[in-house]
Amino acid sequence: MPLITISTSIKINQKNIFMEDCSKLLSTLTNKSEKYVMVRLFEQIPIYFSQSFDPACFIDVKSIGSIETSKMSESISEFISNKLKIPTHRTYIQFENIEASNWAYGGKPFG
């Protein structure tokens, strides 16, 4: 049920490894099984941010509970900085707690 969507202006080499690493990170940060983590990746998207076309990233994190923005913000920003070499000041992160009744898996809502 945790979902992370990464949209970035750069090309990512070794996409599968990067996505697996994202899954592990989100599983750890939400304390939820990696079995339910979904990672979506959109690369080479034109992004104009802070009056610049320099490499940038927008991340959307959704989960049923388990969102701790102060804890997650730094970890995710540092992860992106280390893996993609995008400075933390060039990354926005949006967090959203989803009601269990508004998220379904296997044809049934979680709550």
PDB file of N, CA and C in Angstrom:
ATOM      1  N   MET A   1       0.790  -1.198   0.000  1.00  0.00           N
ATOM      2  CA  MET A   1       0.000   0.000   0.000  1.00  0.00           C
ATOM      3  C   MET A   1       0.835   1.266   0.000  1.00  0.00           C
ATOM      4  N   PRO A   2       2.073   1.238   0.504  1.00  0.00           N
ATOM      5  CA  PRO A   2       2.888   2.440   0.302  1.00  0.00           C
ATOM      6  C   PRO A   2       3.227   2.591  -1.183  1.00  0.00           C
ATOM      7  N   LEU A   3       3.131   3.813  -1.663  1.00  0.00           N
ATOM      8  CA  LEU A   3       3.428   4.123  -3.057  1.00  0.00           C
ATOM      9  C   LEU A   3       4.380   5.303  -3.095  1.00  0.00           C
ATOM     10  N   ILE A   4       5.435   5.160  -3.877  1.00  0.00           N
ATOM     11  CA  ILE A   4       6.340   6.284  -4.113  1.00  0.00           C
ATOM     12  C   ILE A   4       6.424   6.494  -5.617  1.00  0.00           C
ATOM     13  N   THR A   5       6.218   7.738  -6.027  1.00  0.00           N
ATOM     14  CA  THR A   5       6.328   8.115  -7.433  1.00  0.00           C
ATOM     15  C   THR A   5       7.456   9.130  -7.545  1.00  0.00           C
ATOM     16  N   ILE A   6       8.428   8.808  -8.367  1.00  0.00           N
ATOM     17  CA  ILE A   6       9.571   9.687  -8.572  1.00  0.00           C
ATOM     18  C   ILE A   6       9.506  10.227  -9.989  1.00  0.00           C
ATOM     19  N   SER A   7       9.449  11.533 -10.113  1.00  0.00           N
ATOM     20  CA  SER A   7       9.498  12.204 -11.412  1.00  0.00           C
ATOM     21  C   SER A   7      10.763  13.042 -11.426  1.00  0.00           C
ATOM     22  N   THR A   8      11.598  12.820 -12.432  1.00  0.00           N
ATOM     23  CA  THR A   8      12.871  13.531 -12.468  1.00  0.00           C
ATOM     24  C   THR A   8      13.218  13.972 -13.881  1.00  0.00           C
ATOM     25  N   SER A   9      14.022  14.989 -13.958  1.00  0.00           N
ATOM     26  CA  SER A   9      14.435  15.520 -15.255  1.00  0.00           C
ATOM     27  C   SER A   9      15.615  14.752 -15.852  1.00  0.00           C
ATOM     28  N   ILE A  10      16.236  13.897 -15.076  1.00  0.00           N
ATOM     29  CA  ILE A  10      17.438  13.206 -15.566  1.00  0.00           C
ATOM     30  C   ILE A  10      17.118  11.796 -16.069  1.00  0.00           C
ATOM     31  N   LYS A  11      18.058  11.241 -16.807  1.00  0.00           N
ATOM     32  CA  LYS A  11      17.986   9.838 -17.227  1.00  0.00           C
ATOM     33  C   LYS A  11      18.616   9.001 -16.125  1.00  0.00           C
ATOM     34  N   ILE A  12      17.962   7.924 -15.773  1.00  0.00           N
ATOM     35  CA  ILE A  12      18.471   7.063 -14.706  1.00  0.00           C
ATOM     36  C   ILE A  12      19.018   5.776 -15.313  1.00  0.00           C
ATOM     37  N   ASN A  13      20.289   5.524 -15.070  1.00  0.00           N
ATOM     38  CA  ASN A  13      20.894   4.263 -15.475  1.00  0.00           C
ATOM     39  C   ASN A  13      20.563   3.227 -14.411  1.00  0.00           C
ATOM     40  N   GLN A  14      20.494   2.006 -14.782  1.00  0.00           N
ATOM     41  CA  GLN A  14      20.191   0.909 -13.855  1.00  0.00           C
ATOM     42  C   GLN A  14      18.868   1.172 -13.118  1.00  0.00           C
ATOM     43  N   LYS A  15      17.821   1.406 -13.912  1.00  0.00           N
ATOM     44  CA  LYS A  15      16.496   1.723 -13.365  1.00  0.00           C
ATOM     45  C   LYS A  15      16.001   0.664 -12.390  1.00  0.00           C
ATOM     46  N   ASN A  16      16.161  -0.592 -12.735  1.00  0.00           N
ATOM     47  CA  ASN A  16      15.633  -1.665 -11.881  1.00  0.00           C
ATOM     48  C   ASN A  16      16.273  -1.653 -10.499  1.00  0.00           C
ATOM     49  N   ILE A  17      17.574  -1.464 -10.444  1.00  0.00           N
ATOM     50  CA  ILE A  17      18.266  -1.409  -9.152  1.00  0.00           C
ATOM     51  C   ILE A  17      17.800  -0.202  -8.356  1.00  0.00           C
ATOM     52  N   PHE A  18      17.673   0.944  -9.032  1.00  0.00           N
ATOM     53  CA  PHE A  18      17.200   2.154  -8.360  1.00  0.00           C
ATOM     54  C   PHE A  18      15.798   1.936  -7.785  1.00  0.00           C
ATOM     55  N   MET A  19      14.915   1.330  -8.562  1.00  0.00           N
ATOM     56  CA  MET A  19      13.542   1.112  -8.107  1.00  0.00           C
ATOM     57  C   MET A  19      13.491   0.108  -6.940  1.00  0.00           C
ATOM     58  N   GLU A  20      14.321  -0.912  -7.001  1.00  0.00           N
ATOM     59  CA  GLU A  20      14.399  -1.863  -5.875  1.00  0.00           C
ATOM     60  C   GLU A  20      14.881  -1.164  -4.614  1.00  0.00           C
ATOM     61  N   ASP A  21      15.862  -0.292  -4.755  1.00  0.00           N
ATOM     62  CA  ASP A  21      16.363   0.471  -3.606  1.00  0.00           C
ATOM     63  C   ASP A  21      15.280   1.397  -3.042  1.00  0.00           C
ATOM     64  N   CYS A  22      14.497   2.006  -3.929  1.00  0.00           N
ATOM     65  CA  CYS A  22      13.374   2.858  -3.493  1.00  0.00           C
ATOM     66  C   CYS A  22      12.355   2.034  -2.702  1.00  0.00           C
ATOM     67  N   SER A  23      12.062   0.850  -3.176  1.00  0.00           N
ATOM     68  CA  SER A  23      11.109  -0.025  -2.499  1.00  0.00           C
ATOM     69  C   SER A  23      11.581  -0.384  -1.095  1.00  0.00           C
ATOM     70  N   LYS A  24      12.847  -0.722  -0.985  1.00  0.00           N
ATOM     71  CA  LYS A  24      13.414  -1.059   0.327  1.00  0.00           C
ATOM     72  C   LYS A  24      13.353   0.143   1.277  1.00  0.00           C
ATOM     73  N   LEU A  25      13.700   1.314   0.756  1.00  0.00           N
ATOM     74  CA  LEU A  25      13.678   2.523   1.573  1.00  0.00           C
ATOM     75  C   LEU A  25      12.262   2.809   2.085  1.00  0.00           C
ATOM     76  N   LEU A  26      11.278   2.770   1.193  1.00  0.00           N
ATOM     77  CA  LEU A  26       9.910   3.079   1.600  1.00  0.00           C
ATOM     78  C   LEU A  26       9.370   2.034   2.567  1.00  0.00           C
ATOM     79  N   SER A  27       9.707   0.798   2.353  1.00  0.00           N
ATOM     80  CA  SER A  27       9.305  -0.257   3.284  1.00  0.00           C
ATOM     81  C   SER A  27       9.863   0.010   4.679  1.00  0.00           C
ATOM     82  N   THR A  28      11.123   0.389   4.744  1.00  0.00           N
ATOM     83  CA  THR A  28      11.766   0.695   6.027  1.00  0.00           C
ATOM     84  C   THR A  28      11.134   1.919   6.685  1.00  0.00           C
ATOM     85  N   LEU A  29      10.925   2.980   5.896  1.00  0.00           N
ATOM     86  CA  LEU A  29      10.391   4.221   6.459  1.00  0.00           C
ATOM     87  C   LEU A  29       8.943   4.090   6.946  1.00  0.00           C
ATOM     88  N   THR A  30       8.158   3.247   6.285  1.00  0.00           N
ATOM     89  CA  THR A  30       6.750   3.075   6.673  1.00  0.00           C
ATOM     90  C   THR A  30       6.548   1.890   7.600  1.00  0.00           C
ATOM     91  N   ASN A  31       7.601   1.089   7.756  1.00  0.00           N
ATOM     92  CA  ASN A  31       7.508  -0.132   8.567  1.00  0.00           C
ATOM     93  C   ASN A  31       6.417  -1.064   8.029  1.00  0.00           C
ATOM     94  N   LYS A  32       6.335  -1.141   6.701  1.00  0.00           N
ATOM     95  CA  LYS A  32       5.358  -2.014   6.039  1.00  0.00           C
ATOM     96  C   LYS A  32       6.104  -2.965   5.121  1.00  0.00           C
ATOM     97  N   SER A  33       5.510  -4.120   4.892  1.00  0.00           N
ATOM     98  CA  SER A  33       6.131  -5.155   4.078  1.00  0.00           C
ATOM     99  C   SER A  33       6.421  -4.647   2.666  1.00  0.00           C
ATOM    100  N   GLU A  34       7.598  -4.974   2.196  1.00  0.00           N
ATOM    101  CA  GLU A  34       7.974  -4.585   0.839  1.00  0.00           C
ATOM    102  C   GLU A  34       7.061  -5.247  -0.192  1.00  0.00           C
ATOM    103  N   LYS A  35       6.400  -6.312   0.204  1.00  0.00           N
ATOM    104  CA  LYS A  35       5.456  -7.015  -0.673  1.00  0.00           C
ATOM    105  C   LYS A  35       4.371  -6.070  -1.198  1.00  0.00           C
ATOM    106  N   TYR A  36       4.016  -5.060  -0.408  1.00  0.00           N
ATOM    107  CA  TYR A  36       2.929  -4.155  -0.777  1.00  0.00           C
ATOM    108  C   TYR A  36       3.406  -2.805  -1.319  1.00  0.00           C
ATOM    109  N   VAL A  37       4.701  -2.588  -1.380  1.00  0.00           N
ATOM    110  CA  VAL A  37       5.247  -1.308  -1.850  1.00  0.00           C
ATOM    111  C   VAL A  37       5.204  -1.254  -3.375  1.00  0.00           C
ATOM    112  N   MET A  38       4.764  -0.113  -3.900  1.00  0.00           N
ATOM    113  CA  MET A  38       4.794   0.127  -5.343  1.00  0.00           C
ATOM    114  C   MET A  38       5.686   1.335  -5.615  1.00  0.00           C
ATOM    115  N   VAL A  39       6.509   1.202  -6.646  1.00  0.00           N
ATOM    116  CA  VAL A  39       7.401   2.287  -7.064  1.00  0.00           C
ATOM    117  C   VAL A  39       7.067   2.633  -8.514  1.00  0.00           C
ATOM    118  N   ARG A  40       6.822   3.911  -8.756  1.00  0.00           N
ATOM    119  CA  ARG A  40       6.621   4.391 -10.126  1.00  0.00           C
ATOM    120  C   ARG A  40       7.727   5.383 -10.437  1.00  0.00           C
ATOM    121  N   LEU A  41       8.252   5.287 -11.649  1.00  0.00           N
ATOM    122  CA  LEU A  41       9.382   6.132 -12.032  1.00  0.00           C
ATOM    123  C   LEU A  41       9.096   6.801 -13.369  1.00  0.00           C
ATOM    124  N   PHE A  42       9.219   8.119 -13.388  1.00  0.00           N
ATOM    125  CA  PHE A  42       9.097   8.899 -14.611  1.00  0.00           C
ATOM    126  C   PHE A  42      10.394   9.701 -14.747  1.00  0.00           C
ATOM    127  N   GLU A  43      11.146   9.412 -15.797  1.00  0.00           N
ATOM    128  CA  GLU A  43      12.436  10.078 -15.964  1.00  0.00           C
ATOM    129  C   GLU A  43      12.445  10.927 -17.229  1.00  0.00           C
ATOM    130  N   GLN A  44      13.445  11.784 -17.305  1.00  0.00           N
ATOM    131  CA  GLN A  44      13.663  12.674 -18.441  1.00  0.00           C
ATOM    132  C   GLN A  44      12.424  13.535 -18.726  1.00  0.00           C
ATOM    133  N   ILE A  45      11.772  13.977 -17.658  1.00  0.00           N
ATOM    134  CA  ILE A  45      10.630  14.876 -17.765  1.00  0.00           C
ATOM    135  C   ILE A  45      11.158  16.301 -17.640  1.00  0.00           C
ATOM    136  N   PRO A  46      10.803  17.174 -18.557  1.00  0.00           N
ATOM    137  CA  PRO A  46      11.254  18.561 -18.405  1.00  0.00           C
ATOM    138  C   PRO A  46      10.691  19.163 -17.112  1.00  0.00           C
ATOM    139  N   ILE A  47      11.574  19.668 -16.273  1.00  0.00           N
ATOM    140  CA  ILE A  47      11.177  20.313 -15.019  1.00  0.00           C
ATOM    141  C   ILE A  47      11.873  21.667 -14.941  1.00  0.00           C
ATOM    142  N   TYR A  48      11.070  22.699 -14.770  1.00  0.00           N
ATOM    143  CA  TYR A  48      11.595  24.050 -14.553  1.00  0.00           C
ATOM    144  C   TYR A  48      11.283  24.396 -13.107  1.00  0.00           C
ATOM    145  N   PHE A  49      12.306  24.574 -12.309  1.00  0.00           N
ATOM    146  CA  PHE A  49      12.145  24.757 -10.867  1.00  0.00           C
ATOM    147  C   PHE A  49      13.152  25.779 -10.381  1.00  0.00           C
ATOM    148  N   SER A  50      12.706  26.731  -9.614  1.00  0.00           N
ATOM    149  CA  SER A  50      13.563  27.761  -9.037  1.00  0.00           C
ATOM    150  C   SER A  50      14.349  28.505 -10.124  1.00  0.00           C
ATOM    151  N   GLN A  51      13.635  28.849 -11.173  1.00  0.00           N
ATOM    152  CA  GLN A  51      14.189  29.616 -12.293  1.00  0.00           C
ATOM    153  C   GLN A  51      15.338  28.906 -12.994  1.00  0.00           C
ATOM    154  N   SER A  52      15.263  27.560 -13.057  1.00  0.00           N
ATOM    155  CA  SER A  52      16.359  26.797 -13.637  1.00  0.00           C
ATOM    156  C   SER A  52      15.865  25.471 -14.207  1.00  0.00           C
ATOM    157  N   PHE A  53      16.566  25.003 -15.245  1.00  0.00           N
ATOM    158  CA  PHE A  53      16.326  23.678 -15.803  1.00  0.00           C
ATOM    159  C   PHE A  53      17.352  22.664 -15.291  1.00  0.00           C
ATOM    160  N   ASP A  54      18.110  23.028 -14.244  1.00  0.00           N
ATOM    161  CA  ASP A  54      19.073  22.085 -13.662  1.00  0.00           C
ATOM    162  C   ASP A  54      18.337  20.835 -13.202  1.00  0.00           C
ATOM    163  N   PRO A  55      19.056  19.701 -13.040  1.00  0.00           N
ATOM    164  CA  PRO A  55      18.402  18.470 -12.601  1.00  0.00           C
ATOM    165  C   PRO A  55      17.542  18.706 -11.356  1.00  0.00           C
ATOM    166  N   ALA A  56      16.336  18.144 -11.405  1.00  0.00           N
ATOM    167  CA  ALA A  56      15.382  18.322 -10.314  1.00  0.00           C
ATOM    168  C   ALA A  56      14.541  17.055 -10.178  1.00  0.00           C
ATOM    169  N   CYS A  57      13.798  17.004  -9.066  1.00  0.00           N
ATOM    170  CA  CYS A  57      13.016  15.809  -8.779  1.00  0.00           C
ATOM    171  C   CYS A  57      11.761  16.180  -7.991  1.00  0.00           C
ATOM    172  N   PHE A  58      10.645  15.545  -8.325  1.00  0.00           N
ATOM    173  CA  PHE A  58       9.417  15.659  -7.546  1.00  0.00           C
ATOM    174  C   PHE A  58       9.046  14.255  -7.105  1.00  0.00           C
ATOM    175  N   ILE A  59       8.789  14.094  -5.811  1.00  0.00           N
ATOM    176  CA  ILE A  59       8.471  12.784  -5.243  1.00  0.00           C
ATOM    177  C   ILE A  59       7.123  12.864  -4.554  1.00  0.00           C
ATOM    178  N   ASP A  60       6.309  11.864  -4.812  1.00  0.00           N
ATOM    179  CA  ASP A  60       4.992  11.762  -4.188  1.00  0.00           C
ATOM    180  C   ASP A  60       4.970  10.461  -3.390  1.00  0.00           C
ATOM    181  N   VAL A  61       4.683  10.564  -2.091  1.00  0.00           N
ATOM    182  CA  VAL A  61       4.637   9.391  -1.213  1.00  0.00           C
ATOM    183  C   VAL A  61       3.232   9.286  -0.635  1.00  0.00           C
ATOM    184  N   LYS A  62       2.618   8.110  -0.810  1.00  0.00           N
ATOM    185  CA  LYS A  62       1.279   7.862  -0.281  1.00  0.00           C
ATOM    186  C   LYS A  62       1.303   6.554   0.503  1.00  0.00           C
ATOM    187  N   SER A  63       0.519   6.530   1.580  1.00  0.00           N
ATOM    188  CA  SER A  63       0.436   5.316   2.381  1.00  0.00           C
ATOM    189  C   SER A  63      -0.803   5.385   3.261  1.00  0.00           C
ATOM    190  N   ILE A  64      -1.248   4.228   3.683  1.00  0.00           N
ATOM    191  CA  ILE A  64      -2.302   4.157   4.692  1.00  0.00           C
ATOM    192  C   ILE A  64      -1.590   4.295   6.031  1.00  0.00           C
ATOM    193  N   GLY A  65      -1.642   5.486   6.589  1.00  0.00           N
ATOM    194  CA  GLY A  65      -0.913   5.742   7.826  1.00  0.00           C
ATOM    195  C   GLY A  65       0.590   5.652   7.604  1.00  0.00           C
ATOM    196  N   SER A  66       1.335   5.661   8.677  1.00  0.00           N
ATOM    197  CA  SER A  66       2.796   5.487   8.669  1.00  0.00           C
ATOM    198  C   SER A  66       3.565   6.622   8.008  1.00  0.00           C
ATOM    199  N   ILE A  67       2.930   7.743   7.724  1.00  0.00           N
ATOM    200  CA  ILE A  67       3.640   8.884   7.146  1.00  0.00           C
ATOM    201  C   ILE A  67       4.137   9.769   8.284  1.00  0.00           C
ATOM    202  N   GLU A  68       5.446   9.888   8.374  1.00  0.00           N
ATOM    203  CA  GLU A  68       6.085  10.775   9.349  1.00  0.00           C
ATOM    204  C   GLU A  68       6.975  11.728   8.551  1.00  0.00           C
ATOM    205  N   THR A  69       6.413  12.865   8.199  1.00  0.00           N
ATOM    206  CA  THR A  69       7.102  13.767   7.266  1.00  0.00           C
ATOM    207  C   THR A  69       8.475  14.223   7.755  1.00  0.00           C
ATOM    208  N   SER A  70       8.602  14.523   9.027  1.00  0.00           N
ATOM    209  CA  SER A  70       9.905  15.007   9.511  1.00  0.00           C
ATOM    210  C   SER A  70      10.974  13.921   9.398  1.00  0.00           C
ATOM    211  N   LYS A  71      10.619  12.694   9.678  1.00  0.00           N
ATOM    212  CA  LYS A  71      11.571  11.576   9.586  1.00  0.00           C
ATOM    213  C   LYS A  71      11.851  11.218   8.121  1.00  0.00           C
ATOM    214  N   MET A  72      10.807  11.203   7.310  1.00  0.00           N
ATOM    215  CA  MET A  72      10.938  10.734   5.933  1.00  0.00           C
ATOM    216  C   MET A  72      11.585  11.753   5.007  1.00  0.00           C
ATOM    217  N   SER A  73      11.322  13.024   5.227  1.00  0.00           N
ATOM    218  CA  SER A  73      11.829  14.072   4.329  1.00  0.00           C
ATOM    219  C   SER A  73      13.338  14.010   4.173  1.00  0.00           C
ATOM    220  N   GLU A  74      14.033  13.970   5.283  1.00  0.00           N
ATOM    221  CA  GLU A  74      15.498  13.950   5.234  1.00  0.00           C
ATOM    222  C   GLU A  74      16.009  12.665   4.594  1.00  0.00           C
ATOM    223  N   SER A  75      15.451  11.528   4.988  1.00  0.00           N
ATOM    224  CA  SER A  75      15.913  10.238   4.443  1.00  0.00           C
ATOM    225  C   SER A  75      15.719  10.153   2.936  1.00  0.00           C
ATOM    226  N   ILE A  76      14.548  10.562   2.466  1.00  0.00           N
ATOM    227  CA  ILE A  76      14.266  10.494   1.030  1.00  0.00           C
ATOM    228  C   ILE A  76      15.120  11.496   0.266  1.00  0.00           C
ATOM    229  N   SER A  77      15.254  12.707   0.777  1.00  0.00           N
ATOM    230  CA  SER A  77      16.081  13.721   0.106  1.00  0.00           C
ATOM    231  C   SER A  77      17.534  13.276  -0.013  1.00  0.00           C
ATOM    232  N   GLU A  78      18.079  12.736   1.061  1.00  0.00           N
ATOM    233  CA  GLU A  78      19.464  12.249   1.038  1.00  0.00           C
ATOM    234  C   GLU A  78      19.615  11.060   0.093  1.00  0.00           C
ATOM    235  N   PHE A  79      18.628  10.172   0.076  1.00  0.00           N
ATOM    236  CA  PHE A  79      18.643   9.018  -0.824  1.00  0.00           C
ATOM    237  C   PHE A  79      18.722   9.495  -2.278  1.00  0.00           C
ATOM    238  N   ILE A  80      17.860  10.439  -2.648  1.00  0.00           N
ATOM    239  CA  ILE A  80      17.843  10.963  -4.018  1.00  0.00           C
ATOM    240  C   ILE A  80      19.152  11.680  -4.335  1.00  0.00           C
ATOM    241  N   SER A  81      19.650  12.448  -3.394  1.00  0.00           N
ATOM    242  CA  SER A  81      20.910  13.149  -3.592  1.00  0.00           C
ATOM    243  C   SER A  81      22.052  12.161  -3.828  1.00  0.00           C
ATOM    244  N   ASN A  82      22.115  11.112  -3.033  1.00  0.00           N
ATOM    245  CA  ASN A  82      23.182  10.115  -3.159  1.00  0.00           C
ATOM    246  C   ASN A  82      23.056   9.275  -4.421  1.00  0.00           C
ATOM    247  N   LYS A  83      21.852   8.839  -4.727  1.00  0.00           N
ATOM    248  CA  LYS A  83      21.646   7.927  -5.863  1.00  0.00           C
ATOM    249  C   LYS A  83      21.630   8.646  -7.206  1.00  0.00           C
ATOM    250  N   LEU A  84      21.000   9.835  -7.243  1.00  0.00           N
ATOM    251  CA  LEU A  84      20.816  10.518  -8.523  1.00  0.00           C
ATOM    252  C   LEU A  84      21.659  11.774  -8.676  1.00  0.00           C
ATOM    253  N   LYS A  85      22.363  12.145  -7.613  1.00  0.00           N
ATOM    254  CA  LYS A  85      23.206  13.349  -7.629  1.00  0.00           C
ATOM    255  C   LYS A  85      22.381  14.617  -7.875  1.00  0.00           C
ATOM    256  N   ILE A  86      21.150  14.614  -7.401  1.00  0.00           N
ATOM    257  CA  ILE A  86      20.307  15.805  -7.459  1.00  0.00           C
ATOM    258  C   ILE A  86      20.356  16.441  -6.076  1.00  0.00           C
ATOM    259  N   PRO A  87      20.784  17.691  -5.982  1.00  0.00           N
ATOM    260  CA  PRO A  87      20.895  18.341  -4.666  1.00  0.00           C
ATOM    261  C   PRO A  87      19.539  18.372  -3.939  1.00  0.00           C
ATOM    262  N   THR A  88      19.597  18.291  -2.632  1.00  0.00           N
ATOM    263  CA  THR A  88      18.366  18.270  -1.838  1.00  0.00           C
ATOM    264  C   THR A  88      17.517  19.521  -2.050  1.00  0.00           C
ATOM    265  N   HIS A  89      18.146  20.649  -2.366  1.00  0.00           N
ATOM    266  CA  HIS A  89      17.378  21.873  -2.603  1.00  0.00           C
ATOM    267  C   HIS A  89      16.728  21.907  -3.987  1.00  0.00           C
ATOM    268  N   ARG A  90      16.881  20.824  -4.759  1.00  0.00           N
ATOM    269  CA  ARG A  90      16.239  20.703  -6.072  1.00  0.00           C
ATOM    270  C   ARG A  90      15.182  19.599  -6.068  1.00  0.00           C
ATOM    271  N   THR A  91      14.728  19.222  -4.877  1.00  0.00           N
ATOM    272  CA  THR A  91      13.741  18.150  -4.740  1.00  0.00           C
ATOM    273  C   THR A  91      12.569  18.618  -3.890  1.00  0.00           C
ATOM    274  N   TYR A  92      11.364  18.400  -4.399  1.00  0.00           N
ATOM    275  CA  TYR A  92      10.134  18.584  -3.621  1.00  0.00           C
ATOM    276  C   TYR A  92       9.566  17.215  -3.313  1.00  0.00           C
ATOM    277  N   ILE A  93       8.988  17.083  -2.120  1.00  0.00           N
ATOM    278  CA  ILE A  93       8.342  15.832  -1.723  1.00  0.00           C
ATOM    279  C   ILE A  93       6.942  16.153  -1.215  1.00  0.00           C
ATOM    280  N   GLN A  94       5.981  15.420  -1.713  1.00  0.00           N
ATOM    281  CA  GLN A  94       4.601  15.545  -1.243  1.00  0.00           C
ATOM    282  C   GLN A  94       4.232  14.253  -0.522  1.00  0.00           C
ATOM    283  N   PHE A  95       3.637  14.388   0.663  1.00  0.00           N
ATOM    284  CA  PHE A  95       3.214  13.232   1.451  1.00  0.00           C
ATOM    285  C   PHE A  95       1.699  13.234   1.571  1.00  0.00           C
ATOM    286  N   GLU A  96       1.124  12.025   1.551  1.00  0.00           N
ATOM    287  CA  GLU A  96      -0.323  11.932   1.722  1.00  0.00           C
ATOM    288  C   GLU A  96      -0.684  10.636   2.453  1.00  0.00           C
ATOM    289  N   ASN A  97      -1.392  10.802   3.574  1.00  0.00           N
ATOM    290  CA  ASN A  97      -1.978   9.658   4.276  1.00  0.00           C
ATOM    291  C   ASN A  97      -3.314   9.356   3.623  1.00  0.00           C
ATOM    292  N   ILE A  98      -3.528   8.124   3.252  1.00  0.00           N
ATOM    293  CA  ILE A  98      -4.755   7.701   2.586  1.00  0.00           C
ATOM    294  C   ILE A  98      -5.611   6.899   3.564  1.00  0.00           C
ATOM    295  N   GLU A  99      -6.904   7.147   3.558  1.00  0.00           N
ATOM    296  CA  GLU A  99      -7.822   6.338   4.364  1.00  0.00           C
ATOM    297  C   GLU A  99      -7.852   4.919   3.807  1.00  0.00           C
ATOM    298  N   ALA A 100      -7.853   3.930   4.681  1.00  0.00           N
ATOM    299  CA  ALA A 100      -7.853   2.525   4.258  1.00  0.00           C
ATOM    300  C   ALA A 100      -9.033   2.206   3.342  1.00  0.00           C
ATOM    301  N   SER A 101     -10.154   2.859   3.563  1.00  0.00           N
ATOM    302  CA  SER A 101     -11.340   2.603   2.729  1.00  0.00           C
ATOM    303  C   SER A 101     -11.178   3.158   1.315  1.00  0.00           C
ATOM    304  N   ASN A 102     -10.161   4.002   1.098  1.00  0.00           N
ATOM    305  CA  ASN A 102      -9.922   4.593  -0.224  1.00  0.00           C
ATOM    306  C   ASN A 102      -8.770   3.941  -0.974  1.00  0.00           C
ATOM    307  N   TRP A 103      -8.310   2.791  -0.500  1.00  0.00           N
ATOM    308  CA  TRP A 103      -7.194   2.101  -1.147  1.00  0.00           C
ATOM    309  C   TRP A 103      -7.561   0.626  -1.238  1.00  0.00           C
ATOM    310  N   ALA A 104      -7.494   0.083  -2.451  1.00  0.00           N
ATOM    311  CA  ALA A 104      -7.881  -1.311  -2.647  1.00  0.00           C
ATOM    312  C   ALA A 104      -6.708  -2.131  -3.196  1.00  0.00           C
ATOM    313  N   TYR A 105      -6.762  -3.406  -2.909  1.00  0.00           N
ATOM    314  CA  TYR A 105      -5.750  -4.368  -3.381  1.00  0.00           C
ATOM    315  C   TYR A 105      -6.478  -5.695  -3.581  1.00  0.00           C
ATOM    316  N   GLY A 106      -6.222  -6.328  -4.702  1.00  0.00           N
ATOM    317  CA  GLY A 106      -6.881  -7.600  -4.960  1.00  0.00           C
ATOM    318  C   GLY A 106      -8.394  -7.463  -5.094  1.00  0.00           C
ATOM    319  N   GLY A 107      -8.843  -6.285  -5.513  1.00  0.00           N
ATOM    320  CA  GLY A 107     -10.274  -6.062  -5.705  1.00  0.00           C
ATOM    321  C   GLY A 107     -11.059  -5.692  -4.481  1.00  0.00           C
ATOM    322  N   LYS A 108     -10.365  -5.489  -3.345  1.00  0.00           N
ATOM    323  CA  LYS A 108     -11.061  -5.151  -2.103  1.00  0.00           C
ATOM    324  C   LYS A 108     -10.339  -4.015  -1.392  1.00  0.00           C
ATOM    325  N   PRO A 109     -11.106  -3.074  -0.818  1.00  0.00           N
ATOM    326  CA  PRO A 109     -10.456  -2.018  -0.041  1.00  0.00           C
ATOM    327  C   PRO A 109      -9.816  -2.569   1.216  1.00  0.00           C
ATOM    328  N   PHE A 110      -8.756  -1.902   1.657  1.00  0.00           N
ATOM    329  CA  PHE A 110      -8.095  -2.335   2.883  1.00  0.00           C
ATOM    330  C   PHE A 110      -8.947  -2.134   4.110  1.00  0.00           C
ATOM    331  N   GLY A 111      -9.832  -1.145   4.078  1.00  0.00           N
ATOM    332  CA  GLY A 111     -10.630  -0.876   5.283  1.00  0.00           C
ATOM    333  C   GLY A 111     -12.077  -0.633   4.976  1.00  0.00           C
TER     334      GLY A 111
END
